[in-house]
Amino acid sequence: MSVLLNQVRDRLRTLHYSLRTEQVYLDWIKRYIRHHQLRHPQEMGQSEIEAFLTHLAVNRQVSASTQNQAKSALLFLYREVLHIDLPWLKDVVSAKASQRLPVVLTPKEVQQILVELDGVWSLVGRLLYGTGMRLLEGLRLRVKDVDFARQEIVVRSGKGDKDRVTMLPANIVTALQAQMADAKALHEGDLAQGWGEVYLPFALAQKYPNANREWAWQYIFPSAQRSADPRSGLIRRHHLDEKGMQRAMKQALQVAGIAKLATPHTLRHSFATHLLEAGYDIRTVQALLGHSDVRTTMIYTHVLNRGGMGVQSPLDRYGVS
């Protein structure tokens, strides 16, 4: 199995899939093979894939999105690695994902949470709410992508490997500059000790061999410890782990007494909703969020129609008690 997994890994990297996708696809392929008693995927086909997906839905009770994720991993295995044509694949039905409304915080609740966040997580929280970035987009922010003069931030390689521009909130400029000063001092210390390299995407490291040590390419939110790159094994200083912000957010919710299942991503939802409430055009919000389809952005309009699509209950209208 290890030989096959190495082939999958090599193909994913050749096609420039993200590390997160690589890890997820490899995990699903291993589960698929183990579920069928270590049979080689070349010996299996439609019935085995359907049996595995049914097992996930019925026995594991995974969500539709998780089931479809597993299917995508298996499609990649057969099409891109084993080069096996799957004419029957159209008959394998994708699970229908449920339509759920996002959790949104009120402006007061956002303020309560941001007050309870400590240290660097306070700045990260304000950055996410103030720009609409996803958590990893914020943590992967590099020095060169913040333009204080133009008051804008370039979000690189967002979802779908797309770049976009969002605003730089004036409220965080001073704190962000202080964070960058701390990061620069850390970087200079690394350079003095013979370290100081940072990960560069794809072939940039070959095109610009010295760029990985330059200040402009460094993460604004560097990790306190150097660690091995999961792909190359090189020791570098990565960005902060997203789990730290997730824990900080959970604790802030508890301290603030807010009974909502909010996560750092909820700050992005709240950003979009509050902009629409303030009267900004939905196309503008779509561009700031980086959505390809405006229908994705329209899910946030549900809060603009309060209580049953804006309809006043007869219990309130006529005072029936």
C-alpha atoms as a PDB file:
ATOM      1  CA  MET A   1       0.000   0.000   0.000  1.00  0.00           C
ATOM      2  CA  SER A   2       2.885   2.355   0.713  1.00  0.00           C
ATOM      3  CA  VAL A   3       3.997   2.267  -2.940  1.00  0.00           C
ATOM      4  CA  LEU A   4       0.521   3.242  -4.115  1.00  0.00           C
ATOM      5  CA  LEU A   5       0.230   6.025  -1.545  1.00  0.00           C
ATOM      6  CA  ASN A   6       3.563   7.431  -2.655  1.00  0.00           C
ATOM      7  CA  GLN A   7       2.280   7.456  -6.231  1.00  0.00           C
ATOM      8  CA  VAL A   8      -0.841   9.328  -5.105  1.00  0.00           C
ATOM      9  CA  ARG A   9       1.276  11.808  -3.144  1.00  0.00           C
ATOM     10  CA  ASP A  10       3.566  12.447  -6.106  1.00  0.00           C
ATOM     11  CA  ARG A  11       0.621  13.036  -8.446  1.00  0.00           C
ATOM     12  CA  LEU A  12      -1.055  15.433  -6.016  1.00  0.00           C
ATOM     13  CA  ARG A  13       2.126  17.467  -5.723  1.00  0.00           C
ATOM     14  CA  THR A  14       2.665  17.464  -9.484  1.00  0.00           C
ATOM     15  CA  LEU A  15      -0.809  18.977  -9.894  1.00  0.00           C
ATOM     16  CA  HIS A  16      -0.103  21.492  -7.082  1.00  0.00           C
ATOM     17  CA  TYR A  17      -2.837  20.326  -4.723  1.00  0.00           C
ATOM     18  CA  SER A  18      -2.686  21.875  -1.264  1.00  0.00           C
ATOM     19  CA  LEU A  19      -1.093  20.049   1.642  1.00  0.00           C
ATOM     20  CA  ARG A  20      -4.472  19.862   3.378  1.00  0.00           C
ATOM     21  CA  THR A  21      -6.063  18.188   0.335  1.00  0.00           C
ATOM     22  CA  GLU A  22      -3.110  15.810   0.070  1.00  0.00           C
ATOM     23  CA  GLN A  23      -3.518  14.710   3.675  1.00  0.00           C
ATOM     24  CA  VAL A  24      -7.283  14.262   3.334  1.00  0.00           C
ATOM     25  CA  TYR A  25      -7.118  12.301   0.063  1.00  0.00           C
ATOM     26  CA  LEU A  26      -4.421   9.958   1.357  1.00  0.00           C
ATOM     27  CA  ASP A  27      -6.448   9.311   4.495  1.00  0.00           C
ATOM     28  CA  TRP A  28      -9.592   8.394   2.522  1.00  0.00           C
ATOM     29  CA  ILE A  29      -7.685   6.122   0.158  1.00  0.00           C
ATOM     30  CA  LYS A  30      -6.138   4.274   3.114  1.00  0.00           C
ATOM     31  CA  ARG A  31      -9.578   3.867   4.695  1.00  0.00           C
ATOM     32  CA  TYR A  32     -10.990   2.559   1.424  1.00  0.00           C
ATOM     33  CA  ILE A  33      -8.252  -0.054   1.067  1.00  0.00           C
ATOM     34  CA  ARG A  34      -8.507  -1.147   4.700  1.00  0.00           C
ATOM     35  CA  HIS A  35     -12.295  -1.389   4.484  1.00  0.00           C
ATOM     36  CA  HIS A  36     -11.876  -3.984   1.732  1.00  0.00           C
ATOM     37  CA  GLN A  37      -9.257  -6.050   3.583  1.00  0.00           C
ATOM     38  CA  LEU A  38      -6.212  -4.493   1.869  1.00  0.00           C
ATOM     39  CA  ARG A  39      -7.278  -5.396  -1.654  1.00  0.00           C
ATOM     40  CA  HIS A  40      -5.560  -3.349  -4.354  1.00  0.00           C
ATOM     41  CA  PRO A  41      -7.864  -0.706  -5.889  1.00  0.00           C
ATOM     42  CA  GLN A  42      -7.116  -2.092  -9.371  1.00  0.00           C
ATOM     43  CA  GLU A  43      -8.993  -5.236  -8.313  1.00  0.00           C
ATOM     44  CA  MET A  44     -12.024  -3.225  -7.242  1.00  0.00           C
ATOM     45  CA  GLY A  45     -14.589  -1.075  -8.985  1.00  0.00           C
ATOM     46  CA  GLN A  46     -18.089   0.339  -8.827  1.00  0.00           C
ATOM     47  CA  SER A  47     -19.550  -2.088  -6.293  1.00  0.00           C
ATOM     48  CA  GLU A  48     -16.643  -1.636  -3.862  1.00  0.00           C
ATOM     49  CA  ILE A  49     -16.766   2.168  -4.097  1.00  0.00           C
ATOM     50  CA  GLU A  50     -20.533   2.188  -3.565  1.00  0.00           C
ATOM     51  CA  ALA A  51     -20.171  -0.221  -0.633  1.00  0.00           C
ATOM     52  CA  PHE A  52     -17.576   2.036   0.982  1.00  0.00           C
ATOM     53  CA  LEU A  53     -19.635   5.192   0.509  1.00  0.00           C
ATOM     54  CA  THR A  54     -22.724   3.411   1.842  1.00  0.00           C
ATOM     55  CA  HIS A  55     -20.717   2.283   4.871  1.00  0.00           C
ATOM     56  CA  LEU A  56     -19.746   5.886   5.549  1.00  0.00           C
ATOM     57  CA  ALA A  57     -23.344   7.101   5.276  1.00  0.00           C
ATOM     58  CA  VAL A  58     -25.132   4.272   7.109  1.00  0.00           C
ATOM     59  CA  ASN A  59     -22.662   2.919   9.651  1.00  0.00           C
ATOM     60  CA  ARG A  60     -20.456   5.959  10.247  1.00  0.00           C
ATOM     61  CA  GLN A  61     -23.296   8.455   9.667  1.00  0.00           C
ATOM     62  CA  VAL A  62     -20.962  11.027   8.134  1.00  0.00           C
ATOM     63  CA  SER A  63     -22.279  14.246   6.614  1.00  0.00           C
ATOM     64  CA  ALA A  64     -23.003  14.569   2.907  1.00  0.00           C
ATOM     65  CA  SER A  65     -19.979  16.808   2.395  1.00  0.00           C
ATOM     66  CA  THR A  66     -17.709  14.245   4.078  1.00  0.00           C
ATOM     67  CA  GLN A  67     -19.118  11.449   1.934  1.00  0.00           C
ATOM     68  CA  ASN A  68     -18.551  13.503  -1.222  1.00  0.00           C
ATOM     69  CA  GLN A  69     -15.022  14.289  -0.070  1.00  0.00           C
ATOM     70  CA  ALA A  70     -14.294  10.566   0.151  1.00  0.00           C
ATOM     71  CA  LYS A  71     -15.745  10.074  -3.325  1.00  0.00           C
ATOM     72  CA  SER A  72     -13.510  12.823  -4.732  1.00  0.00           C
ATOM     73  CA  ALA A  73     -10.449  11.147  -3.227  1.00  0.00           C
ATOM     74  CA  LEU A  74     -11.336   7.837  -4.856  1.00  0.00           C
ATOM     75  CA  LEU A  75     -12.003   9.530  -8.198  1.00  0.00           C
ATOM     76  CA  PHE A  76      -8.547  11.051  -8.049  1.00  0.00           C
ATOM     77  CA  LEU A  77      -7.025   7.666  -7.254  1.00  0.00           C
ATOM     78  CA  TYR A  78      -8.634   5.903 -10.214  1.00  0.00           C
ATOM     79  CA  ARG A  79      -8.420   8.679 -12.799  1.00  0.00           C
ATOM     80  CA  GLU A  80      -5.129  10.414 -12.017  1.00  0.00           C
ATOM     81  CA  VAL A  81      -3.008   7.627 -10.512  1.00  0.00           C
ATOM     82  CA  LEU A  82      -4.267   4.284 -11.782  1.00  0.00           C
ATOM     83  CA  HIS A  83      -5.436   5.775 -15.125  1.00  0.00           C
ATOM     84  CA  ILE A  84      -8.524   3.591 -15.075  1.00  0.00           C
ATOM     85  CA  ASP A  85     -11.518   4.814 -17.058  1.00  0.00           C
ATOM     86  CA  LEU A  86     -14.674   4.750 -14.974  1.00  0.00           C
ATOM     87  CA  PRO A  87     -17.613   4.890 -17.427  1.00  0.00           C
ATOM     88  CA  TRP A  88     -19.944   3.707 -14.668  1.00  0.00           C
ATOM     89  CA  LEU A  89     -18.966   6.600 -12.418  1.00  0.00           C
ATOM     90  CA  LYS A  90     -21.944   8.701 -13.471  1.00  0.00           C
ATOM     91  CA  ASP A  91     -24.151   6.123 -11.771  1.00  0.00           C
ATOM     92  CA  VAL A  92     -22.490   6.692  -8.387  1.00  0.00           C
ATOM     93  CA  VAL A  93     -24.741   9.403  -6.991  1.00  0.00           C
ATOM     94  CA  SER A  94     -23.229  12.166  -4.888  1.00  0.00           C
ATOM     95  CA  ALA A  95     -24.799  12.729  -1.506  1.00  0.00           C
ATOM     96  CA  LYS A  96     -27.080  15.752  -1.346  1.00  0.00           C
ATOM     97  CA  ALA A  97     -25.713  18.289   1.098  1.00  0.00           C
ATOM     98  CA  SER A  98     -28.164  19.886   3.503  1.00  0.00           C
ATOM     99  CA  GLN A  99     -28.743  23.609   3.232  1.00  0.00           C
ATOM    100  CA  ARG A 100     -27.780  25.139   6.563  1.00  0.00           C
ATOM    101  CA  LEU A 101     -27.800  28.775   7.535  1.00  0.00           C
ATOM    102  CA  PRO A 102     -24.485  30.026   8.932  1.00  0.00           C
ATOM    103  CA  VAL A 103     -24.127  30.994  12.580  1.00  0.00           C
ATOM    104  CA  VAL A 104     -23.880  34.785  12.789  1.00  0.00           C
ATOM    105  CA  LEU A 105     -22.942  36.909  15.785  1.00  0.00           C
ATOM    106  CA  THR A 106     -24.460  40.296  16.536  1.00  0.00           C
ATOM    107  CA  PRO A 107     -22.086  43.292  16.606  1.00  0.00           C
ATOM    108  CA  LYS A 108     -22.359  43.313  20.396  1.00  0.00           C
ATOM    109  CA  GLU A 109     -21.478  39.618  20.607  1.00  0.00           C
ATOM    110  CA  VAL A 110     -18.473  40.138  18.328  1.00  0.00           C
ATOM    111  CA  GLN A 111     -17.278  42.924  20.583  1.00  0.00           C
ATOM    112  CA  GLN A 112     -17.704  40.735  23.673  1.00  0.00           C
ATOM    113  CA  ILE A 113     -15.657  37.936  22.088  1.00  0.00           C
ATOM    114  CA  LEU A 114     -12.867  40.191  20.841  1.00  0.00           C
ATOM    115  CA  VAL A 115     -12.510  41.688  24.325  1.00  0.00           C
ATOM    116  CA  GLU A 116     -12.017  38.206  25.799  1.00  0.00           C
ATOM    117  CA  LEU A 117      -9.370  37.115  23.281  1.00  0.00           C
ATOM    118  CA  ASP A 118      -5.840  37.460  24.663  1.00  0.00           C
ATOM    119  CA  GLY A 119      -2.480  38.270  23.120  1.00  0.00           C
ATOM    120  CA  VAL A 120      -1.936  37.630  19.444  1.00  0.00           C
ATOM    121  CA  TRP A 121      -5.335  35.906  19.163  1.00  0.00           C
ATOM    122  CA  SER A 122      -7.020  39.241  19.859  1.00  0.00           C
ATOM    123  CA  LEU A 123      -5.369  40.684  16.757  1.00  0.00           C
ATOM    124  CA  VAL A 124      -6.166  37.588  14.699  1.00  0.00           C
ATOM    125  CA  GLY A 125      -9.815  37.809  15.741  1.00  0.00           C
ATOM    126  CA  ARG A 126     -10.045  41.481  14.788  1.00  0.00           C
ATOM    127  CA  LEU A 127      -8.303  40.729  11.509  1.00  0.00           C
ATOM    128  CA  LEU A 128     -10.788  37.998  10.583  1.00  0.00           C
ATOM    129  CA  TYR A 129     -13.836  40.064  11.517  1.00  0.00           C
ATOM    130  CA  GLY A 130     -12.440  43.242   9.990  1.00  0.00           C
ATOM    131  CA  THR A 131     -11.468  41.741   6.622  1.00  0.00           C
ATOM    132  CA  GLY A 132     -13.671  38.677   6.105  1.00  0.00           C
ATOM    133  CA  MET A 133     -10.671  36.384   5.713  1.00  0.00           C
ATOM    134  CA  ARG A 134     -10.769  32.698   6.502  1.00  0.00           C
ATOM    135  CA  LEU A 135      -8.677  31.598   9.474  1.00  0.00           C
ATOM    136  CA  LEU A 136      -5.839  30.048   7.466  1.00  0.00           C
ATOM    137  CA  GLU A 137      -5.830  32.982   5.056  1.00  0.00           C
ATOM    138  CA  GLY A 138      -5.188  35.269   8.003  1.00  0.00           C
ATOM    139  CA  LEU A 139      -2.516  33.101   9.605  1.00  0.00           C
ATOM    140  CA  ARG A 140      -0.717  32.650   6.264  1.00  0.00           C
ATOM    141  CA  LEU A 141      -0.577  36.389   5.659  1.00  0.00           C
ATOM    142  CA  ARG A 142       2.881  37.527   4.578  1.00  0.00           C
ATOM    143  CA  VAL A 143       4.539  40.902   5.103  1.00  0.00           C
ATOM    144  CA  LYS A 144       4.501  41.819   1.408  1.00  0.00           C
ATOM    145  CA  ASP A 145       0.731  41.401   1.173  1.00  0.00           C
ATOM    146  CA  VAL A 146      -0.173  44.239   3.549  1.00  0.00           C
ATOM    147  CA  ASP A 147      -0.204  47.723   1.996  1.00  0.00           C
ATOM    148  CA  PHE A 148      -0.555  50.335   4.725  1.00  0.00           C
ATOM    149  CA  ALA A 149      -0.469  53.236   2.241  1.00  0.00           C
ATOM    150  CA  ARG A 150      -3.402  51.885   0.200  1.00  0.00           C
ATOM    151  CA  GLN A 151      -5.104  50.445   3.284  1.00  0.00           C
ATOM    152  CA  GLU A 152      -5.592  47.074   1.660  1.00  0.00           C
ATOM    153  CA  ILE A 153      -4.581  43.454   2.070  1.00  0.00           C
ATOM    154  CA  VAL A 154      -3.964  41.010  -0.779  1.00  0.00           C
ATOM    155  CA  VAL A 155      -5.217  37.555   0.123  1.00  0.00           C
ATOM    156  CA  ARG A 156      -3.056  35.055  -1.738  1.00  0.00           C
ATOM    157  CA  SER A 157      -4.098  31.561  -2.843  1.00  0.00           C
ATOM    158  CA  GLY A 158      -7.481  31.603  -1.164  1.00  0.00           C
ATOM    159  CA  LYS A 159     -10.083  28.912  -1.682  1.00  0.00           C
ATOM    160  CA  GLY A 160      -9.806  27.662  -5.246  1.00  0.00           C
ATOM    161  CA  ASP A 161      -6.243  29.040  -5.391  1.00  0.00           C
ATOM    162  CA  LYS A 162      -7.568  32.541  -6.127  1.00  0.00           C
ATOM    163  CA  ASP A 163      -6.149  35.899  -5.070  1.00  0.00           C
ATOM    164  CA  ARG A 164      -8.332  38.783  -3.963  1.00  0.00           C
ATOM    165  CA  VAL A 165      -8.082  42.185  -2.290  1.00  0.00           C
ATOM    166  CA  THR A 166      -9.801  43.199   0.930  1.00  0.00           C
ATOM    167  CA  MET A 167      -9.630  46.282   3.125  1.00  0.00           C
ATOM    168  CA  LEU A 168      -7.148  46.939   5.924  1.00  0.00           C
ATOM    169  CA  PRO A 169      -9.195  48.143   8.907  1.00  0.00           C
ATOM    170  CA  ALA A 170      -7.739  51.346  10.386  1.00  0.00           C
ATOM    171  CA  ASN A 171      -8.612  49.971  13.824  1.00  0.00           C
ATOM    172  CA  ILE A 172      -5.879  47.303  13.659  1.00  0.00           C
ATOM    173  CA  VAL A 173      -3.074  49.211  11.906  1.00  0.00           C
ATOM    174  CA  THR A 174      -1.131  50.021  15.086  1.00  0.00           C
ATOM    175  CA  ALA A 175      -1.485  46.489  16.499  1.00  0.00           C
ATOM    176  CA  LEU A 176      -0.579  44.924  13.157  1.00  0.00           C
ATOM    177  CA  GLN A 177       2.540  47.078  12.848  1.00  0.00           C
ATOM    178  CA  ALA A 178       3.572  46.062  16.380  1.00  0.00           C
ATOM    179  CA  GLN A 179       3.042  42.387  15.506  1.00  0.00           C
ATOM    180  CA  MET A 180       5.161  42.799  12.375  1.00  0.00           C
ATOM    181  CA  ALA A 181       7.912  44.430  14.435  1.00  0.00           C
ATOM    182  CA  ASP A 182       7.921  41.411  16.771  1.00  0.00           C
ATOM    183  CA  ALA A 183       7.954  39.048  13.793  1.00  0.00           C
ATOM    184  CA  LYS A 184      10.864  40.940  12.234  1.00  0.00           C
ATOM    185  CA  ALA A 185      12.902  40.733  15.434  1.00  0.00           C
ATOM    186  CA  LEU A 186      12.240  36.977  15.537  1.00  0.00           C
ATOM    187  CA  HIS A 187      13.251  36.631  11.883  1.00  0.00           C
ATOM    188  CA  GLU A 188      16.465  38.587  12.385  1.00  0.00           C
ATOM    189  CA  GLY A 189      17.321  36.331  15.313  1.00  0.00           C
ATOM    190  CA  ASP A 190      16.753  33.288  13.102  1.00  0.00           C
ATOM    191  CA  LEU A 191      19.009  34.713  10.401  1.00  0.00           C
ATOM    192  CA  ALA A 192      21.742  35.353  12.937  1.00  0.00           C
ATOM    193  CA  GLN A 193      21.584  31.675  13.945  1.00  0.00           C
ATOM    194  CA  GLY A 194      21.706  30.431  10.363  1.00  0.00           C
ATOM    195  CA  TRP A 195      17.979  29.822   9.962  1.00  0.00           C
ATOM    196  CA  GLY A 196      15.342  32.260   8.682  1.00  0.00           C
ATOM    197  CA  GLU A 197      13.868  30.301   5.765  1.00  0.00           C
ATOM    198  CA  VAL A 198      10.136  30.250   5.129  1.00  0.00           C
ATOM    199  CA  TYR A 199       8.045  28.004   2.879  1.00  0.00           C
ATOM    200  CA  LEU A 200       7.480  29.343  -0.643  1.00  0.00           C
ATOM    201  CA  PRO A 201       4.670  27.913  -2.783  1.00  0.00           C
ATOM    202  CA  PHE A 202       5.326  25.694  -5.787  1.00  0.00           C
ATOM    203  CA  ALA A 203       8.354  26.672  -7.907  1.00  0.00           C
ATOM    204  CA  LEU A 204       8.962  30.117  -6.401  1.00  0.00           C
ATOM    205  CA  ALA A 205      11.788  28.717  -4.279  1.00  0.00           C
ATOM    206  CA  GLN A 206      13.635  27.717  -7.481  1.00  0.00           C
ATOM    207  CA  LYS A 207      12.767  30.894  -9.353  1.00  0.00           C
ATOM    208  CA  TYR A 208      13.815  33.122  -6.443  1.00  0.00           C
ATOM    209  CA  PRO A 209      16.415  31.068  -4.519  1.00  0.00           C
ATOM    210  CA  ASN A 210      17.057  33.760  -1.885  1.00  0.00           C
ATOM    211  CA  ALA A 211      13.479  34.920  -1.408  1.00  0.00           C
ATOM    212  CA  ASN A 212      12.737  32.434   1.379  1.00  0.00           C
ATOM    213  CA  ARG A 213      15.018  34.401   3.699  1.00  0.00           C
ATOM    214  CA  GLU A 214      13.783  37.847   2.721  1.00  0.00           C
ATOM    215  CA  TRP A 215      11.665  39.800   5.186  1.00  0.00           C
ATOM    216  CA  ALA A 216       8.915  40.493   2.637  1.00  0.00           C
ATOM    217  CA  TRP A 217       8.088  36.764   2.367  1.00  0.00           C
ATOM    218  CA  GLN A 218       7.912  36.055   6.094  1.00  0.00           C
ATOM    219  CA  TYR A 219       4.668  35.237   7.897  1.00  0.00           C
ATOM    220  CA  ILE A 220       3.198  38.047   9.982  1.00  0.00           C
ATOM    221  CA  PHE A 221       2.066  35.489  12.564  1.00  0.00           C
ATOM    222  CA  PRO A 222       5.086  33.173  12.915  1.00  0.00           C
ATOM    223  CA  SER A 223       5.106  30.168  15.193  1.00  0.00           C
ATOM    224  CA  ALA A 224       7.101  30.398  18.406  1.00  0.00           C
ATOM    225  CA  GLN A 225       8.981  27.224  17.457  1.00  0.00           C
ATOM    226  CA  ARG A 226      10.692  26.070  14.276  1.00  0.00           C
ATOM    227  CA  SER A 227       9.428  22.775  12.863  1.00  0.00           C
ATOM    228  CA  ALA A 228      10.002  20.320  10.027  1.00  0.00           C
ATOM    229  CA  ASP A 229       8.191  21.008   6.774  1.00  0.00           C
ATOM    230  CA  PRO A 230       5.785  18.053   6.283  1.00  0.00           C
ATOM    231  CA  ARG A 231       6.691  17.797   2.592  1.00  0.00           C
ATOM    232  CA  SER A 232      10.402  18.531   2.346  1.00  0.00           C
ATOM    233  CA  GLY A 233      11.472  17.803   5.911  1.00  0.00           C
ATOM    234  CA  LEU A 234      13.361  21.112   6.044  1.00  0.00           C
ATOM    235  CA  ILE A 235      13.383  22.931   9.375  1.00  0.00           C
ATOM    236  CA  ARG A 236      11.563  26.248   9.006  1.00  0.00           C
ATOM    237  CA  ARG A 237       9.478  28.674  11.014  1.00  0.00           C
ATOM    238  CA  HIS A 238       5.877  28.097  10.040  1.00  0.00           C
ATOM    239  CA  HIS A 239       2.869  30.281  10.826  1.00  0.00           C
ATOM    240  CA  LEU A 240       0.759  29.883  13.961  1.00  0.00           C
ATOM    241  CA  ASP A 241      -1.344  26.732  14.247  1.00  0.00           C
ATOM    242  CA  GLU A 242      -5.034  27.329  13.570  1.00  0.00           C
ATOM    243  CA  LYS A 243      -5.954  25.114  16.526  1.00  0.00           C
ATOM    244  CA  GLY A 244      -4.656  27.809  18.872  1.00  0.00           C
ATOM    245  CA  MET A 245      -7.190  30.327  17.551  1.00  0.00           C
ATOM    246  CA  GLN A 246      -9.948  27.735  17.652  1.00  0.00           C
ATOM    247  CA  ARG A 247      -9.275  27.066  21.330  1.00  0.00           C
ATOM    248  CA  ALA A 248      -9.035  30.770  22.116  1.00  0.00           C
ATOM    249  CA  MET A 249     -12.365  31.409  20.385  1.00  0.00           C
ATOM    250  CA  LYS A 250     -14.077  28.612  22.290  1.00  0.00           C
ATOM    251  CA  GLN A 251     -12.800  29.947  25.604  1.00  0.00           C
ATOM    252  CA  ALA A 252     -13.847  33.508  24.737  1.00  0.00           C
ATOM    253  CA  LEU A 253     -17.385  32.299  23.966  1.00  0.00           C
ATOM    254  CA  GLN A 254     -17.610  30.564  27.334  1.00  0.00           C
ATOM    255  CA  VAL A 255     -16.305  33.559  29.283  1.00  0.00           C
ATOM    256  CA  ALA A 256     -18.624  35.935  27.414  1.00  0.00           C
ATOM    257  CA  GLY A 257     -21.592  33.630  28.084  1.00  0.00           C
ATOM    258  CA  ILE A 258     -22.626  33.467  24.421  1.00  0.00           C
ATOM    259  CA  ALA A 259     -24.658  30.321  23.737  1.00  0.00           C
ATOM    260  CA  LYS A 260     -23.863  29.959  20.044  1.00  0.00           C
ATOM    261  CA  LEU A 261     -21.808  27.321  18.241  1.00  0.00           C
ATOM    262  CA  ALA A 262     -19.391  29.903  16.889  1.00  0.00           C
ATOM    263  CA  THR A 263     -15.898  29.287  15.530  1.00  0.00           C
ATOM    264  CA  PRO A 264     -13.273  31.603  14.043  1.00  0.00           C
ATOM    265  CA  HIS A 265     -15.051  31.140  10.696  1.00  0.00           C
ATOM    266  CA  THR A 266     -18.162  32.676  12.286  1.00  0.00           C
ATOM    267  CA  LEU A 267     -16.299  35.994  12.315  1.00  0.00           C
ATOM    268  CA  ARG A 268     -16.200  35.798   8.498  1.00  0.00           C
ATOM    269  CA  HIS A 269     -19.941  35.089   8.410  1.00  0.00           C
ATOM    270  CA  SER A 270     -20.546  38.041  10.711  1.00  0.00           C
ATOM    271  CA  PHE A 271     -18.351  40.309   8.556  1.00  0.00           C
ATOM    272  CA  ALA A 272     -20.483  39.580   5.475  1.00  0.00           C
ATOM    273  CA  THR A 273     -23.798  39.858   7.294  1.00  0.00           C
ATOM    274  CA  HIS A 274     -22.955  43.139   8.984  1.00  0.00           C
ATOM    275  CA  LEU A 275     -21.798  44.690   5.699  1.00  0.00           C
ATOM    276  CA  LEU A 276     -25.095  43.752   4.052  1.00  0.00           C
ATOM    277  CA  GLU A 277     -27.001  45.109   7.025  1.00  0.00           C
ATOM    278  CA  ALA A 278     -25.087  48.369   6.612  1.00  0.00           C
ATOM    279  CA  GLY A 279     -26.401  48.639   3.041  1.00  0.00           C
ATOM    280  CA  TYR A 280     -23.339  47.604   1.020  1.00  0.00           C
ATOM    281  CA  ASP A 281     -23.967  46.066  -2.391  1.00  0.00           C
ATOM    282  CA  ILE A 282     -23.976  42.272  -2.430  1.00  0.00           C
ATOM    283  CA  ARG A 283     -21.532  42.229  -5.375  1.00  0.00           C
ATOM    284  CA  THR A 284     -19.048  44.212  -3.315  1.00  0.00           C
ATOM    285  CA  VAL A 285     -19.391  41.751  -0.442  1.00  0.00           C
ATOM    286  CA  GLN A 286     -19.011  38.872  -2.902  1.00  0.00           C
ATOM    287  CA  ALA A 287     -15.698  40.306  -4.131  1.00  0.00           C
ATOM    288  CA  LEU A 288     -14.403  40.864  -0.598  1.00  0.00           C
ATOM    289  CA  LEU A 289     -15.224  37.278   0.366  1.00  0.00           C
ATOM    290  CA  GLY A 290     -13.820  35.811  -2.851  1.00  0.00           C
ATOM    291  CA  HIS A 291     -17.000  33.937  -3.809  1.00  0.00           C
ATOM    292  CA  SER A 292     -17.150  32.777  -7.436  1.00  0.00           C
ATOM    293  CA  ASP A 293     -20.952  32.778  -7.458  1.00  0.00           C
ATOM    294  CA  VAL A 294     -23.108  35.496  -5.942  1.00  0.00           C
ATOM    295  CA  ARG A 295     -25.569  32.805  -4.846  1.00  0.00           C
ATOM    296  CA  THR A 296     -23.018  31.731  -2.253  1.00  0.00           C
ATOM    297  CA  THR A 297     -22.999  35.265  -0.861  1.00  0.00           C
ATOM    298  CA  MET A 298     -26.796  35.489  -0.882  1.00  0.00           C
ATOM    299  CA  ILE A 299     -27.030  33.058   2.021  1.00  0.00           C
ATOM    300  CA  TYR A 300     -26.139  35.983   4.297  1.00  0.00           C
ATOM    301  CA  THR A 301     -29.208  37.946   3.227  1.00  0.00           C
ATOM    302  CA  HIS A 302     -31.370  35.806   5.516  1.00  0.00           C
ATOM    303  CA  VAL A 303     -30.637  38.138   8.420  1.00  0.00           C
ATOM    304  CA  LEU A 304     -31.938  41.148   6.518  1.00  0.00           C
ATOM    305  CA  ASN A 305     -35.452  39.736   6.676  1.00  0.00           C
ATOM    306  CA  ARG A 306     -36.063  39.389  10.353  1.00  0.00           C
ATOM    307  CA  GLY A 307     -38.445  36.779  11.692  1.00  0.00           C
ATOM    308  CA  GLY A 308     -40.128  34.741   8.988  1.00  0.00           C
ATOM    309  CA  MET A 309     -38.993  36.653   5.877  1.00  0.00           C
ATOM    310  CA  GLY A 310     -39.828  40.031   7.374  1.00  0.00           C
ATOM    311  CA  VAL A 311     -43.464  39.114   8.069  1.00  0.00           C
ATOM    312  CA  GLN A 312     -44.874  40.424  11.349  1.00  0.00           C
ATOM    313  CA  SER A 313     -46.597  37.777  13.422  1.00  0.00           C
ATOM    314  CA  PRO A 314     -50.326  38.354  13.973  1.00  0.00           C
ATOM    315  CA  LEU A 315     -49.637  37.723  17.649  1.00  0.00           C
ATOM    316  CA  ASP A 316     -47.625  40.961  17.650  1.00  0.00           C
ATOM    317  CA  ARG A 317     -49.758  42.898  15.145  1.00  0.00           C
ATOM    318  CA  TYR A 318     -53.072  42.434  16.902  1.00  0.00           C
ATOM    319  CA  GLY A 319     -51.866  42.116  20.433  1.00  0.00           C
ATOM    320  CA  VAL A 320     -53.479  38.721  21.002  1.00  0.00           C
ATOM    321  CA  SER A 321     -52.407  37.332  24.349  1.00  0.00           C
END
